[in-house]
Amino acid sequence: NHGATCYINVLLEVLFHLSFFRSGGGKTVFEALQGIFFNLEN
């Protein structure tokens, strides 16, 4: 939590549980999201 970013964390944790995003989601998902989800797994 970087100050008041808990609301962002809530959404990212929901999206992380969708395999569509963890597998990359194609070229439409930005690198910042891919990096977060990769790190959550590893």
PDB file of all heavy atoms in Angstrom:
ATOM      1  N   ASN A   1       0.865  -1.181   0.000  1.00  0.00           N
ATOM      2  CA  ASN A   1       0.000   0.000   0.000  1.00  0.00           C
ATOM      3  C   ASN A   1       0.900   1.229   0.000  1.00  0.00           C
ATOM      4  O   ASN A   1       1.607   1.497   0.953  1.00  0.00           O
ATOM      5  CB  ASN A   1      -0.894  -0.007   1.243  1.00  0.00           C
ATOM      6  CG  ASN A   1      -1.940   1.101   1.197  1.00  0.00           C
ATOM      7  OD1 ASN A   1      -1.953   1.906   0.262  1.00  0.00           O
ATOM      8  ND2 ASN A   1      -2.788   1.155   2.199  1.00  0.00           N
ATOM      9  N   HIS A   2       0.859   1.984  -1.092  1.00  0.00           N
ATOM     10  CA  HIS A   2       1.706   3.169  -1.233  1.00  0.00           C
ATOM     11  C   HIS A   2       0.942   4.422  -0.795  1.00  0.00           C
ATOM     12  O   HIS A   2       0.703   5.334  -1.584  1.00  0.00           O
ATOM     13  CB  HIS A   2       2.187   3.304  -2.677  1.00  0.00           C
ATOM     14  CG  HIS A   2       2.974   2.127  -3.154  1.00  0.00           C
ATOM     15  ND1 HIS A   2       4.258   1.868  -2.747  1.00  0.00           N
ATOM     16  CD2 HIS A   2       2.639   1.112  -3.998  1.00  0.00           C
ATOM     17  CE1 HIS A   2       4.701   0.765  -3.322  1.00  0.00           C
ATOM     18  NE2 HIS A   2       3.739   0.284  -4.086  1.00  0.00           N
ATOM     19  N   GLY A   3       0.534   4.452   0.447  1.00  0.00           N
ATOM     20  CA  GLY A   3      -0.196   5.618   0.953  1.00  0.00           C
ATOM     21  C   GLY A   3      -1.677   5.333   0.989  1.00  0.00           C
ATOM     22  O   GLY A   3      -2.185   4.756   1.948  1.00  0.00           O
ATOM     23  N   ALA A   4      -2.392   5.736  -0.084  1.00  0.00           N
ATOM     24  CA  ALA A   4      -3.846   5.523  -0.141  1.00  0.00           C
ATOM     25  C   ALA A   4      -4.210   4.740  -1.388  1.00  0.00           C
ATOM     26  O   ALA A   4      -5.161   5.068  -2.092  1.00  0.00           O
ATOM     27  CB  ALA A   4      -4.570   6.867  -0.117  1.00  0.00           C
ATOM     28  N   THR A   5      -3.443   3.693  -1.681  1.00  0.00           N
ATOM     29  CA  THR A   5      -3.675   2.920  -2.903  1.00  0.00           C
ATOM     30  C   THR A   5      -4.351   1.577  -2.636  1.00  0.00           C
ATOM     31  O   THR A   5      -4.327   0.690  -3.478  1.00  0.00           O
ATOM     32  CB  THR A   5      -2.347   2.663  -3.644  1.00  0.00           C
ATOM     33  OG1 THR A   5      -1.463   1.919  -2.787  1.00  0.00           O
ATOM     34  CG2 THR A   5      -1.688   3.968  -4.035  1.00  0.00           C
ATOM     35  N   CYS A   6      -4.968   1.436  -1.466  1.00  0.00           N
ATOM     36  CA  CYS A   6      -5.612   0.161  -1.135  1.00  0.00           C
ATOM     37  C   CYS A   6      -6.741  -0.163  -2.103  1.00  0.00           C
ATOM     38  O   CYS A   6      -6.990  -1.331  -2.419  1.00  0.00           O
ATOM     39  CB  CYS A   6      -6.122   0.182   0.301  1.00  0.00           C
ATOM     40  SG  CYS A   6      -7.189   1.577   0.691  1.00  0.00           S
ATOM     41  N   TYR A   7      -7.442   0.855  -2.612  1.00  0.00           N
ATOM     42  CA  TYR A   7      -8.546   0.623  -3.546  1.00  0.00           C
ATOM     43  C   TYR A   7      -8.021   0.042  -4.855  1.00  0.00           C
ATOM     44  O   TYR A   7      -8.708  -0.746  -5.522  1.00  0.00           O
ATOM     45  CB  TYR A   7      -9.320   1.918  -3.799  1.00  0.00           C
ATOM     46  CG  TYR A   7      -8.546   2.985  -4.554  1.00  0.00           C
ATOM     47  CD1 TYR A   7      -8.693   3.140  -5.926  1.00  0.00           C
ATOM     48  CD2 TYR A   7      -7.663   3.835  -3.895  1.00  0.00           C
ATOM     49  CE1 TYR A   7      -7.990   4.106  -6.623  1.00  0.00           C
ATOM     50  CE2 TYR A   7      -6.949   4.797  -4.577  1.00  0.00           C
ATOM     51  CZ  TYR A   7      -7.111   4.939  -5.934  1.00  0.00           C
ATOM     52  OH  TYR A   7      -6.399   5.892  -6.618  1.00  0.00           O
ATOM     53  N   ILE A   8      -6.796   0.431  -5.245  1.00  0.00           N
ATOM     54  CA  ILE A   8      -6.171  -0.145  -6.441  1.00  0.00           C
ATOM     55  C   ILE A   8      -5.828  -1.606  -6.187  1.00  0.00           C
ATOM     56  O   ILE A   8      -6.052  -2.478  -7.028  1.00  0.00           O
ATOM     57  CB  ILE A   8      -4.906   0.650  -6.828  1.00  0.00           C
ATOM     58  CG1 ILE A   8      -5.270   2.095  -7.184  1.00  0.00           C
ATOM     59  CG2 ILE A   8      -4.174  -0.019  -7.998  1.00  0.00           C
ATOM     60  CD1 ILE A   8      -4.067   2.975  -7.486  1.00  0.00           C
ATOM     61  N   ASN A   9      -5.294  -1.885  -5.006  1.00  0.00           N
ATOM     62  CA  ASN A   9      -4.914  -3.251  -4.651  1.00  0.00           C
ATOM     63  C   ASN A   9      -6.112  -4.197  -4.692  1.00  0.00           C
ATOM     64  O   ASN A   9      -6.002  -5.340  -5.132  1.00  0.00           O
ATOM     65  CB  ASN A   9      -4.270  -3.284  -3.268  1.00  0.00           C
ATOM     66  CG  ASN A   9      -2.938  -2.556  -3.228  1.00  0.00           C
ATOM     67  OD1 ASN A   9      -2.462  -2.069  -4.250  1.00  0.00           O
ATOM     68  ND2 ASN A   9      -2.336  -2.469  -2.056  1.00  0.00           N
ATOM     69  N   VAL A  10      -7.258  -3.708  -4.203  1.00  0.00           N
ATOM     70  CA  VAL A  10      -8.470  -4.536  -4.198  1.00  0.00           C
ATOM     71  C   VAL A  10      -8.813  -4.988  -5.611  1.00  0.00           C
ATOM     72  O   VAL A  10      -9.083  -6.170  -5.858  1.00  0.00           O
ATOM     73  CB  VAL A  10      -9.652  -3.751  -3.586  1.00  0.00           C
ATOM     74  CG1 VAL A  10     -10.961  -4.473  -3.834  1.00  0.00           C
ATOM     75  CG2 VAL A  10      -9.444  -3.549  -2.089  1.00  0.00           C
ATOM     76  N   LEU A  11      -8.795  -4.053  -6.549  1.00  0.00           N
ATOM     77  CA  LEU A  11      -9.149  -4.388  -7.928  1.00  0.00           C
ATOM     78  C   LEU A  11      -8.113  -5.308  -8.562  1.00  0.00           C
ATOM     79  O   LEU A  11      -8.456  -6.278  -9.244  1.00  0.00           O
ATOM     80  CB  LEU A  11      -9.294  -3.108  -8.749  1.00  0.00           C
ATOM     81  CG  LEU A  11      -9.597  -3.307 -10.233  1.00  0.00           C
ATOM     82  CD1 LEU A  11     -10.894  -4.070 -10.425  1.00  0.00           C
ATOM     83  CD2 LEU A  11      -9.655  -1.970 -10.957  1.00  0.00           C
ATOM     84  N   LEU A  12      -6.834  -5.030  -8.335  1.00  0.00           N
ATOM     85  CA  LEU A  12      -5.785  -5.852  -8.929  1.00  0.00           C
ATOM     86  C   LEU A  12      -5.838  -7.283  -8.411  1.00  0.00           C
ATOM     87  O   LEU A  12      -5.598  -8.238  -9.158  1.00  0.00           O
ATOM     88  CB  LEU A  12      -4.406  -5.244  -8.634  1.00  0.00           C
ATOM     89  CG  LEU A  12      -4.113  -3.901  -9.303  1.00  0.00           C
ATOM     90  CD1 LEU A  12      -2.724  -3.416  -8.932  1.00  0.00           C
ATOM     91  CD2 LEU A  12      -4.257  -4.002 -10.815  1.00  0.00           C
ATOM     92  N   GLU A  13      -6.172  -7.446  -7.132  1.00  0.00           N
ATOM     93  CA  GLU A  13      -6.270  -8.794  -6.580  1.00  0.00           C
ATOM     94  C   GLU A  13      -7.441  -9.556  -7.189  1.00  0.00           C
ATOM     95  O   GLU A  13      -7.363 -10.773  -7.399  1.00  0.00           O
ATOM     96  CB  GLU A  13      -6.393  -8.724  -5.056  1.00  0.00           C
ATOM     97  CG  GLU A  13      -5.089  -8.325  -4.380  1.00  0.00           C
ATOM     98  CD  GLU A  13      -5.254  -8.023  -2.908  1.00  0.00           C
ATOM     99  OE1 GLU A  13      -6.399  -8.036  -2.424  1.00  0.00           O
ATOM    100  OE2 GLU A  13      -4.237  -7.769  -2.235  1.00  0.00           O
ATOM    101  N   VAL A  14      -8.519  -8.856  -7.511  1.00  0.00           N
ATOM    102  CA  VAL A  14      -9.645  -9.497  -8.190  1.00  0.00           C
ATOM    103  C   VAL A  14      -9.228  -9.932  -9.591  1.00  0.00           C
ATOM    104  O   VAL A  14      -9.465 -11.077 -10.011  1.00  0.00           O
ATOM    105  CB  VAL A  14     -10.858  -8.540  -8.270  1.00  0.00           C
ATOM    106  CG1 VAL A  14     -11.931  -9.110  -9.195  1.00  0.00           C
ATOM    107  CG2 VAL A  14     -11.438  -8.303  -6.881  1.00  0.00           C
ATOM    108  N   LEU A  15      -8.580  -9.027 -10.346  1.00  0.00           N
ATOM    109  CA  LEU A  15      -8.174  -9.339 -11.711  1.00  0.00           C
ATOM    110  C   LEU A  15      -7.129 -10.444 -11.744  1.00  0.00           C
ATOM    111  O   LEU A  15      -7.085 -11.241 -12.687  1.00  0.00           O
ATOM    112  CB  LEU A  15      -7.624  -8.079 -12.393  1.00  0.00           C
ATOM    113  CG  LEU A  15      -8.618  -6.936 -12.612  1.00  0.00           C
ATOM    114  CD1 LEU A  15      -7.925  -5.763 -13.282  1.00  0.00           C
ATOM    115  CD2 LEU A  15      -9.810  -7.387 -13.442  1.00  0.00           C
ATOM    116  N   PHE A  16      -6.290 -10.500 -10.709  1.00  0.00           N
ATOM    117  CA  PHE A  16      -5.248 -11.525 -10.653  1.00  0.00           C
ATOM    118  C   PHE A  16      -5.840 -12.929 -10.644  1.00  0.00           C
ATOM    119  O   PHE A  16      -5.237 -13.875 -11.159  1.00  0.00           O
ATOM    120  CB  PHE A  16      -4.380 -11.307  -9.403  1.00  0.00           C
ATOM    121  CG  PHE A  16      -3.376 -12.403  -9.167  1.00  0.00           C
ATOM    122  CD1 PHE A  16      -2.275 -12.542  -9.988  1.00  0.00           C
ATOM    123  CD2 PHE A  16      -3.545 -13.300  -8.130  1.00  0.00           C
ATOM    124  CE1 PHE A  16      -1.350 -13.557  -9.779  1.00  0.00           C
ATOM    125  CE2 PHE A  16      -2.629 -14.319  -7.906  1.00  0.00           C
ATOM    126  CZ  PHE A  16      -1.525 -14.446  -8.732  1.00  0.00           C
ATOM    127  N   HIS A  17      -7.020 -13.082 -10.093  1.00  0.00           N
ATOM    128  CA  HIS A  17      -7.637 -14.400 -10.013  1.00  0.00           C
ATOM    129  C   HIS A  17      -8.339 -14.801 -11.309  1.00  0.00           C
ATOM    130  O   HIS A  17      -8.955 -15.867 -11.381  1.00  0.00           O
ATOM    131  CB  HIS A  17      -8.629 -14.455  -8.840  1.00  0.00           C
ATOM    132  CG  HIS A  17      -7.953 -14.559  -7.511  1.00  0.00           C
ATOM    133  ND1 HIS A  17      -7.471 -13.466  -6.836  1.00  0.00           N
ATOM    134  CD2 HIS A  17      -7.648 -15.635  -6.751  1.00  0.00           C
ATOM    135  CE1 HIS A  17      -6.907 -13.858  -5.705  1.00  0.00           C
ATOM    136  NE2 HIS A  17      -7.008 -15.163  -5.626  1.00  0.00           N
ATOM    137  N   LEU A  18      -8.242 -13.952 -12.332  1.00  0.00           N
ATOM    138  CA  LEU A  18      -8.764 -14.300 -13.654  1.00  0.00           C
ATOM    139  C   LEU A  18      -7.597 -14.786 -14.508  1.00  0.00           C
ATOM    140  O   LEU A  18      -6.656 -14.045 -14.763  1.00  0.00           O
ATOM    141  CB  LEU A  18      -9.430 -13.087 -14.317  1.00  0.00           C
ATOM    142  CG  LEU A  18     -10.562 -12.425 -13.526  1.00  0.00           C
ATOM    143  CD1 LEU A  18     -11.085 -11.208 -14.287  1.00  0.00           C
ATOM    144  CD2 LEU A  18     -11.692 -13.402 -13.248  1.00  0.00           C
ATOM    145  N   SER A  19      -7.658 -16.022 -14.954  1.00  0.00           N
ATOM    146  CA  SER A  19      -6.543 -16.604 -15.711  1.00  0.00           C
ATOM    147  C   SER A  19      -6.260 -15.818 -16.981  1.00  0.00           C
ATOM    148  O   SER A  19      -5.130 -15.809 -17.482  1.00  0.00           O
ATOM    149  CB  SER A  19      -6.843 -18.069 -16.056  1.00  0.00           C
ATOM    150  OG  SER A  19      -8.034 -18.162 -16.821  1.00  0.00           O
ATOM    151  N   PHE A  20      -7.276 -15.137 -17.517  1.00  0.00           N
ATOM    152  CA  PHE A  20      -7.103 -14.327 -18.726  1.00  0.00           C
ATOM    153  C   PHE A  20      -5.981 -13.318 -18.553  1.00  0.00           C
ATOM    154  O   PHE A  20      -5.176 -13.086 -19.453  1.00  0.00           O
ATOM    155  CB  PHE A  20      -8.416 -13.606 -19.047  1.00  0.00           C
ATOM    156  CG  PHE A  20      -8.315 -12.634 -20.197  1.00  0.00           C
ATOM    157  CD1 PHE A  20      -8.429 -13.078 -21.496  1.00  0.00           C
ATOM    158  CD2 PHE A  20      -8.107 -11.289 -19.963  1.00  0.00           C
ATOM    159  CE1 PHE A  20      -8.327 -12.181 -22.554  1.00  0.00           C
ATOM    160  CE2 PHE A  20      -8.006 -10.393 -21.013  1.00  0.00           C
ATOM    161  CZ  PHE A  20      -8.119 -10.851 -22.313  1.00  0.00           C
ATOM    162  N   PHE A  21      -5.906 -12.698 -17.372  1.00  0.00           N
ATOM    163  CA  PHE A  21      -4.892 -11.686 -17.126  1.00  0.00           C
ATOM    164  C   PHE A  21      -3.539 -12.305 -16.776  1.00  0.00           C
ATOM    165  O   PHE A  21      -2.496 -11.815 -17.190  1.00  0.00           O
ATOM    166  CB  PHE A  21      -5.345 -10.741 -16.008  1.00  0.00           C
ATOM    167  CG  PHE A  21      -6.453  -9.838 -16.428  1.00  0.00           C
ATOM    168  CD1 PHE A  21      -7.763 -10.163 -16.144  1.00  0.00           C
ATOM    169  CD2 PHE A  21      -6.199  -8.673 -17.116  1.00  0.00           C
ATOM    170  CE1 PHE A  21      -8.797  -9.337 -16.546  1.00  0.00           C
ATOM    171  CE2 PHE A  21      -7.225  -7.838 -17.517  1.00  0.00           C
ATOM    172  CZ  PHE A  21      -8.529  -8.173 -17.236  1.00  0.00           C
ATOM    173  N   ARG A  22      -3.552 -13.368 -16.006  1.00  0.00           N
ATOM    174  CA  ARG A  22      -2.286 -13.983 -15.607  1.00  0.00           C
ATOM    175  C   ARG A  22      -1.557 -14.593 -16.798  1.00  0.00           C
ATOM    176  O   ARG A  22      -0.336 -14.672 -16.806  1.00  0.00           O
ATOM    177  CB  ARG A  22      -2.523 -15.053 -14.544  1.00  0.00           C
ATOM    178  CG  ARG A  22      -2.986 -14.510 -13.220  1.00  0.00           C
ATOM    179  CD  ARG A  22      -2.625 -15.450 -12.086  1.00  0.00           C
ATOM    180  NE  ARG A  22      -3.079 -16.805 -12.328  1.00  0.00           N
ATOM    181  CZ  ARG A  22      -4.311 -17.245 -12.072  1.00  0.00           C
ATOM    182  NH1 ARG A  22      -5.223 -16.408 -11.597  1.00  0.00           N
ATOM    183  NH2 ARG A  22      -4.646 -18.490 -12.297  1.00  0.00           N
ATOM    184  N   SER A  23      -2.313 -15.002 -17.816  1.00  0.00           N
ATOM    185  CA  SER A  23      -1.679 -15.576 -18.994  1.00  0.00           C
ATOM    186  C   SER A  23      -1.223 -14.508 -19.977  1.00  0.00           C
ATOM    187  O   SER A  23      -0.696 -14.809 -21.031  1.00  0.00           O
ATOM    188  CB  SER A  23      -2.647 -16.533 -19.700  1.00  0.00           C
ATOM    189  OG  SER A  23      -3.785 -15.824 -20.158  1.00  0.00           O
ATOM    190  N   GLY A  24      -1.428 -13.251 -19.635  1.00  0.00           N
ATOM    191  CA  GLY A  24      -0.951 -12.163 -20.486  1.00  0.00           C
ATOM    192  C   GLY A  24      -2.066 -11.365 -21.102  1.00  0.00           C
ATOM    193  O   GLY A  24      -1.907 -10.182 -21.352  1.00  0.00           O
ATOM    194  N   GLY A  25      -3.209 -12.013 -21.399  1.00  0.00           N
ATOM    195  CA  GLY A  25      -4.350 -11.279 -21.934  1.00  0.00           C
ATOM    196  C   GLY A  25      -4.135 -10.734 -23.322  1.00  0.00           C
ATOM    197  O   GLY A  25      -4.825  -9.835 -23.761  1.00  0.00           O
ATOM    198  N   GLY A  26      -3.124 -11.246 -24.040  1.00  0.00           N
ATOM    199  CA  GLY A  26      -2.850 -10.729 -25.369  1.00  0.00           C
ATOM    200  C   GLY A  26      -2.094  -9.414 -25.303  1.00  0.00           C
ATOM    201  O   GLY A  26      -1.596  -8.996 -24.265  1.00  0.00           O
ATOM    202  N   LYS A  27      -2.009  -8.732 -26.412  1.00  0.00           N
ATOM    203  CA  LYS A  27      -1.224  -7.499 -26.500  1.00  0.00           C
ATOM    204  C   LYS A  27      -1.945  -6.303 -25.906  1.00  0.00           C
ATOM    205  O   LYS A  27      -1.372  -5.227 -25.821  1.00  0.00           O
ATOM    206  CB  LYS A  27      -0.890  -7.222 -27.967  1.00  0.00           C
ATOM    207  CG  LYS A  27      -0.003  -8.295 -28.603  1.00  0.00           C
ATOM    208  CD  LYS A  27       0.304  -7.955 -30.050  1.00  0.00           C
ATOM    209  CE  LYS A  27       1.183  -9.028 -30.672  1.00  0.00           C
ATOM    210  NZ  LYS A  27       1.477  -8.729 -32.092  1.00  0.00           N
ATOM    211  N   THR A  28      -3.195  -6.483 -25.503  1.00  0.00           N
ATOM    212  CA  THR A  28      -3.974  -5.344 -25.044  1.00  0.00           C
ATOM    213  C   THR A  28      -3.717  -4.996 -23.584  1.00  0.00           C
ATOM    214  O   THR A  28      -4.075  -3.923 -23.140  1.00  0.00           O
ATOM    215  CB  THR A  28      -5.467  -5.623 -25.229  1.00  0.00           C
ATOM    216  OG1 THR A  28      -5.787  -6.834 -24.555  1.00  0.00           O
ATOM    217  CG2 THR A  28      -5.813  -5.786 -26.698  1.00  0.00           C
ATOM    218  N   VAL A  29      -3.136  -5.907 -22.820  1.00  0.00           N
ATOM    219  CA  VAL A  29      -2.881  -5.633 -21.412  1.00  0.00           C
ATOM    220  C   VAL A  29      -1.485  -5.052 -21.269  1.00  0.00           C
ATOM    221  O   VAL A  29      -0.522  -5.614 -21.765  1.00  0.00           O
ATOM    222  CB  VAL A  29      -3.003  -6.922 -20.565  1.00  0.00           C
ATOM    223  CG1 VAL A  29      -2.708  -6.620 -19.104  1.00  0.00           C
ATOM    224  CG2 VAL A  29      -4.398  -7.492 -20.705  1.00  0.00           C
ATOM    225  N   PHE A  30      -1.369  -3.930 -20.588  1.00  0.00           N
ATOM    226  CA  PHE A  30      -0.120  -3.198 -20.524  1.00  0.00           C
ATOM    227  C   PHE A  30       0.910  -3.900 -19.654  1.00  0.00           C
ATOM    228  O   PHE A  30       0.593  -4.694 -18.777  1.00  0.00           O
ATOM    229  CB  PHE A  30      -0.376  -1.779 -20.004  1.00  0.00           C
ATOM    230  CG  PHE A  30      -1.200  -0.948 -20.936  1.00  0.00           C
ATOM    231  CD1 PHE A  30      -2.588  -0.978 -20.870  1.00  0.00           C
ATOM    232  CD2 PHE A  30      -0.605  -0.156 -21.896  1.00  0.00           C
ATOM    233  CE1 PHE A  30      -3.359  -0.225 -21.726  1.00  0.00           C
ATOM    234  CE2 PHE A  30      -1.361   0.598 -22.755  1.00  0.00           C
ATOM    235  CZ  PHE A  30      -2.746   0.564 -22.679  1.00  0.00           C
ATOM    236  N   GLU A  31       2.179  -3.551 -19.901  1.00  0.00           N
ATOM    237  CA  GLU A  31       3.286  -4.216 -19.212  1.00  0.00           C
ATOM    238  C   GLU A  31       3.244  -4.021 -17.706  1.00  0.00           C
ATOM    239  O   GLU A  31       3.668  -4.899 -16.954  1.00  0.00           O
ATOM    240  CB  GLU A  31       4.623  -3.705 -19.758  1.00  0.00           C
ATOM    241  CG  GLU A  31       4.902  -4.148 -21.191  1.00  0.00           C
ATOM    242  CD  GLU A  31       6.250  -3.665 -21.672  1.00  0.00           C
ATOM    243  OE1 GLU A  31       6.947  -2.979 -20.894  1.00  0.00           O
ATOM    244  OE2 GLU A  31       6.616  -3.973 -22.819  1.00  0.00           O
ATOM    245  N   ALA A  32       2.747  -2.892 -17.262  1.00  0.00           N
ATOM    246  CA  ALA A  32       2.687  -2.648 -15.815  1.00  0.00           C
ATOM    247  C   ALA A  32       1.805  -3.680 -15.122  1.00  0.00           C
ATOM    248  O   ALA A  32       2.152  -4.190 -14.052  1.00  0.00           O
ATOM    249  CB  ALA A  32       2.163  -1.241 -15.540  1.00  0.00           C
ATOM    250  N   LEU A  33       0.670  -3.997 -15.729  1.00  0.00           N
ATOM    251  CA  LEU A  33      -0.214  -5.009 -15.172  1.00  0.00           C
ATOM    252  C   LEU A  33       0.426  -6.389 -15.225  1.00  0.00           C
ATOM    253  O   LEU A  33       0.377  -7.151 -14.261  1.00  0.00           O
ATOM    254  CB  LEU A  33      -1.533  -5.035 -15.949  1.00  0.00           C
ATOM    255  CG  LEU A  33      -2.645  -4.089 -15.505  1.00  0.00           C
ATOM    256  CD1 LEU A  33      -3.833  -4.223 -16.444  1.00  0.00           C
ATOM    257  CD2 LEU A  33      -3.061  -4.380 -14.082  1.00  0.00           C
ATOM    258  N   GLN A  34       1.049  -6.713 -16.342  1.00  0.00           N
ATOM    259  CA  GLN A  34       1.668  -8.016 -16.498  1.00  0.00           C
ATOM    260  C   GLN A  34       2.772  -8.215 -15.463  1.00  0.00           C
ATOM    261  O   GLN A  34       2.923  -9.300 -14.894  1.00  0.00           O
ATOM    262  CB  GLN A  34       2.229  -8.165 -17.913  1.00  0.00           C
ATOM    263  CG  GLN A  34       1.144  -8.238 -18.981  1.00  0.00           C
ATOM    264  CD  GLN A  34       1.713  -8.309 -20.380  1.00  0.00           C
ATOM    265  OE1 GLN A  34       2.831  -7.860 -20.619  1.00  0.00           O
ATOM    266  NE2 GLN A  34       0.950  -8.854 -21.311  1.00  0.00           N
ATOM    267  N   GLY A  35       3.535  -7.141 -15.223  1.00  0.00           N
ATOM    268  CA  GLY A  35       4.614  -7.231 -14.244  1.00  0.00           C
ATOM    269  C   GLY A  35       4.095  -7.491 -12.839  1.00  0.00           C
ATOM    270  O   GLY A  35       4.657  -8.303 -12.086  1.00  0.00           O
ATOM    271  N   ILE A  36       3.007  -6.819 -12.470  1.00  0.00           N
ATOM    272  CA  ILE A  36       2.411  -7.006 -11.136  1.00  0.00           C
ATOM    273  C   ILE A  36       1.921  -8.437 -10.971  1.00  0.00           C
ATOM    274  O   ILE A  36       2.179  -9.101  -9.964  1.00  0.00           O
ATOM    275  CB  ILE A  36       1.257  -6.011 -10.915  1.00  0.00           C
ATOM    276  CG1 ILE A  36       1.807  -4.582 -10.784  1.00  0.00           C
ATOM    277  CG2 ILE A  36       0.454  -6.381  -9.665  1.00  0.00           C
ATOM    278  CD1 ILE A  36       0.733  -3.516 -10.769  1.00  0.00           C
ATOM    279  N   PHE A  37       1.221  -8.943 -11.969  1.00  0.00           N
ATOM    280  CA  PHE A  37       0.666 -10.291 -11.862  1.00  0.00           C
ATOM    281  C   PHE A  37       1.764 -11.354 -11.888  1.00  0.00           C
ATOM    282  O   PHE A  37       1.663 -12.382 -11.213  1.00  0.00           O
ATOM    283  CB  PHE A  37      -0.350 -10.541 -12.975  1.00  0.00           C
ATOM    284  CG  PHE A  37      -1.576  -9.673 -12.873  1.00  0.00           C
ATOM    285  CD1 PHE A  37      -2.285  -9.286 -13.991  1.00  0.00           C
ATOM    286  CD2 PHE A  37      -2.025  -9.241 -11.639  1.00  0.00           C
ATOM    287  CE1 PHE A  37      -3.417  -8.495 -13.888  1.00  0.00           C
ATOM    288  CE2 PHE A  37      -3.160  -8.448 -11.527  1.00  0.00           C
ATOM    289  CZ  PHE A  37      -3.855  -8.077 -12.647  1.00  0.00           C
ATOM    290  N   PHE A  38       2.816 -11.109 -12.666  1.00  0.00           N
ATOM    291  CA  PHE A  38       3.944 -12.041 -12.667  1.00  0.00           C
ATOM    292  C   PHE A  38       4.574 -12.106 -11.282  1.00  0.00           C
ATOM    293  O   PHE A  38       4.867 -13.182 -10.763  1.00  0.00           O
ATOM    294  CB  PHE A  38       4.987 -11.613 -13.709  1.00  0.00           C
ATOM    295  CG  PHE A  38       6.232 -12.453 -13.693  1.00  0.00           C
ATOM    296  CD1 PHE A  38       6.273 -13.654 -14.393  1.00  0.00           C
ATOM    297  CD2 PHE A  38       7.351 -12.052 -12.970  1.00  0.00           C
ATOM    298  CE1 PHE A  38       7.421 -14.441 -14.368  1.00  0.00           C
ATOM    299  CE2 PHE A  38       8.495 -12.840 -12.942  1.00  0.00           C
ATOM    300  CZ  PHE A  38       8.534 -14.041 -13.644  1.00  0.00           C
ATOM    301  N   ASN A  39       4.762 -10.934 -10.673  1.00  0.00           N
ATOM    302  CA  ASN A  39       5.385 -10.898  -9.349  1.00  0.00           C
ATOM    303  C   ASN A  39       4.488 -11.493  -8.274  1.00  0.00           C
ATOM    304  O   ASN A  39       4.967 -12.099  -7.316  1.00  0.00           O
ATOM    305  CB  ASN A  39       5.762  -9.465  -8.987  1.00  0.00           C
ATOM    306  CG  ASN A  39       6.938  -8.958  -9.799  1.00  0.00           C
ATOM    307  OD1 ASN A  39       7.804  -9.735 -10.199  1.00  0.00           O
ATOM    308  ND2 ASN A  39       6.966  -7.658 -10.079  1.00  0.00           N
ATOM    309  N   LEU A  40       3.170 -11.328  -8.420  1.00  0.00           N
ATOM    310  CA  LEU A  40       2.259 -11.940  -7.456  1.00  0.00           C
ATOM    311  C   LEU A  40       2.377 -13.461  -7.464  1.00  0.00           C
ATOM    312  O   LEU A  40       2.206 -14.114  -6.445  1.00  0.00           O
ATOM    313  CB  LEU A  40       0.817 -11.526  -7.755  1.00  0.00           C
ATOM    314  CG  LEU A  40       0.366 -10.169  -7.206  1.00  0.00           C
ATOM    315  CD1 LEU A  40      -1.018  -9.820  -7.724  1.00  0.00           C
ATOM    316  CD2 LEU A  40       0.380 -10.148  -5.692  1.00  0.00           C
ATOM    317  N   GLU A  41       2.662 -14.007  -8.629  1.00  0.00           N
ATOM    318  CA  GLU A  41       2.806 -15.465  -8.722  1.00  0.00           C
ATOM    319  C   GLU A  41       4.182 -15.945  -8.272  1.00  0.00           C
ATOM    320  O   GLU A  41       4.320 -17.076  -7.798  1.00  0.00           O
ATOM    321  CB  GLU A  41       2.566 -15.923 -10.159  1.00  0.00           C
ATOM    322  CG  GLU A  41       1.106 -16.002 -10.541  1.00  0.00           C
ATOM    323  CD  GLU A  41       0.881 -16.900 -11.738  1.00  0.00           C
ATOM    324  OE1 GLU A  41       1.213 -16.479 -12.857  1.00  0.00           O
ATOM    325  OE2 GLU A  41       0.372 -18.022 -11.547  1.00  0.00           O
ATOM    326  N   ASN A  42       5.212 -15.093  -8.408  1.00  0.00           N
ATOM    327  CA  ASN A  42       6.571 -15.583  -8.225  1.00  0.00           C
ATOM    328  C   ASN A  42       7.362 -14.908  -7.108  1.00  0.00           C
ATOM    329  O   ASN A  42       8.339 -15.483  -6.633  1.00  0.00           O
ATOM    330  CB  ASN A  42       7.357 -15.433  -9.541  1.00  0.00           C
ATOM    331  CG  ASN A  42       6.750 -16.247 -10.671  1.00  0.00           C
ATOM    332  OD1 ASN A  42       6.953 -17.442 -10.753  1.00  0.00           O
ATOM    333  ND2 ASN A  42       5.995 -15.588 -11.535  1.00  0.00           N
TER     334      ASN A  42
END
